[in-house]
Amino acid sequence: MSPSALRLLSLVIGGAALPLFGLYALLIFISIPNATGGMEPIMATICYTAFTCIFGALITVAINFSLQLSREAKGAHRLP
């Protein structure tokens, strides 16, 4: 692929981490226990842990893939 296409893909994939972080924040906000209802505190803790693991992994993969494409666009080849 051409360097310009790789740079564009790098920006697009890097930008995909922002909506993932926004969705993570929304799900954490929804699962907050409150006085008028909502989730039980134990279930909320389980949801917090699960959401953190899942979205942390997805955001890490997106950022690492974006950095790899950026290095490819510059012509630097580095094995993981």
Protein backbone atom coordinates (compact mmCIF):
# COMPACT_ATOMS: atom_id res chain seq x y z
CA MET A 1 0.00 0.00 0.00
CA SER A 2 1.06 3.55 -0.55
CA PRO A 3 2.37 5.61 2.37
CA SER A 4 -0.49 8.11 2.08
CA ALA A 5 -3.10 5.33 2.33
CA LEU A 6 -1.28 3.89 5.33
CA ARG A 7 -1.23 7.29 7.04
CA LEU A 8 -4.95 7.72 6.42
CA LEU A 9 -5.72 4.25 7.80
CA SER A 10 -3.54 5.01 10.79
CA LEU A 11 -5.58 8.13 11.57
CA VAL A 12 -8.89 6.33 11.06
CA ILE A 13 -7.97 3.43 13.32
CA GLY A 14 -6.45 5.78 15.89
CA GLY A 15 -9.67 7.77 15.83
CA ALA A 16 -11.67 4.59 16.43
CA ALA A 17 -10.33 4.53 20.00
CA LEU A 18 -12.32 7.68 20.90
CA PRO A 19 -15.80 6.20 20.26
CA LEU A 20 -14.74 3.06 22.12
CA PHE A 21 -13.77 5.18 25.11
CA GLY A 22 -17.07 7.07 24.87
CA LEU A 23 -19.06 3.83 24.79
CA TYR A 24 -17.08 2.60 27.79
CA ALA A 25 -17.91 5.77 29.73
CA LEU A 26 -21.60 5.49 28.79
CA LEU A 27 -21.82 1.87 29.93
CA ILE A 28 -20.07 2.66 33.20
CA PHE A 29 -22.46 5.58 33.78
CA ILE A 30 -25.50 3.38 33.07
CA SER A 31 -24.37 0.66 35.50
CA ILE A 32 -23.92 3.01 38.50
CA PRO A 33 -26.05 1.88 41.46
CA ASN A 34 -28.23 4.63 42.93
CA ALA A 35 -30.79 5.10 45.71
CA THR A 36 -33.85 4.96 43.44
CA GLY A 37 -32.91 1.72 41.72
CA GLY A 38 -30.35 0.60 39.25
CA MET A 39 -28.00 -2.33 39.60
CA GLU A 40 -26.94 -4.04 42.78
CA PRO A 41 -23.45 -3.00 43.93
CA ILE A 42 -21.95 -6.48 43.40
CA MET A 43 -23.33 -6.70 39.86
CA ALA A 44 -22.06 -3.17 39.18
CA THR A 45 -18.57 -4.18 40.31
CA ILE A 46 -18.65 -7.22 38.02
CA CYS A 47 -19.80 -5.01 35.13
CA TYR A 48 -17.06 -2.45 35.86
CA THR A 49 -14.42 -5.18 35.79
CA ALA A 50 -15.76 -6.78 32.61
CA PHE A 51 -16.17 -3.48 30.77
CA THR A 52 -12.69 -2.35 31.79
CA CYS A 53 -11.09 -5.56 30.54
CA ILE A 54 -13.02 -5.68 27.26
CA PHE A 55 -12.71 -2.02 26.32
CA GLY A 56 -9.15 -1.79 27.59
CA ALA A 57 -8.16 -4.62 25.26
CA LEU A 58 -10.03 -3.13 22.28
CA ILE A 59 -8.54 0.34 22.78
CA THR A 60 -5.04 -1.13 23.21
CA VAL A 61 -5.35 -3.13 19.98
CA ALA A 62 -6.65 -0.11 18.05
CA ILE A 63 -3.82 2.13 19.26
CA ASN A 64 -1.12 -0.48 18.62
CA PHE A 65 -2.46 -1.20 15.14
CA SER A 66 -2.55 2.54 14.41
CA LEU A 67 1.06 2.94 15.54
CA GLN A 68 2.13 -0.04 13.41
CA LEU A 69 0.48 1.46 10.32
CA SER A 70 2.16 4.78 11.04
CA ARG A 71 5.56 3.08 11.20
CA GLU A 72 4.82 1.24 7.94
CA ALA A 73 3.96 4.57 6.26
CA LYS A 74 7.37 5.95 7.31
CA GLY A 75 9.11 2.87 5.93
CA ALA A 76 10.24 1.56 9.30
CA HIS A 77 9.67 -2.16 9.74
CA ARG A 78 9.69 -3.40 13.29
CA LEU A 79 8.56 -6.81 14.37
CA PRO A 80 6.24 -7.03 17.38
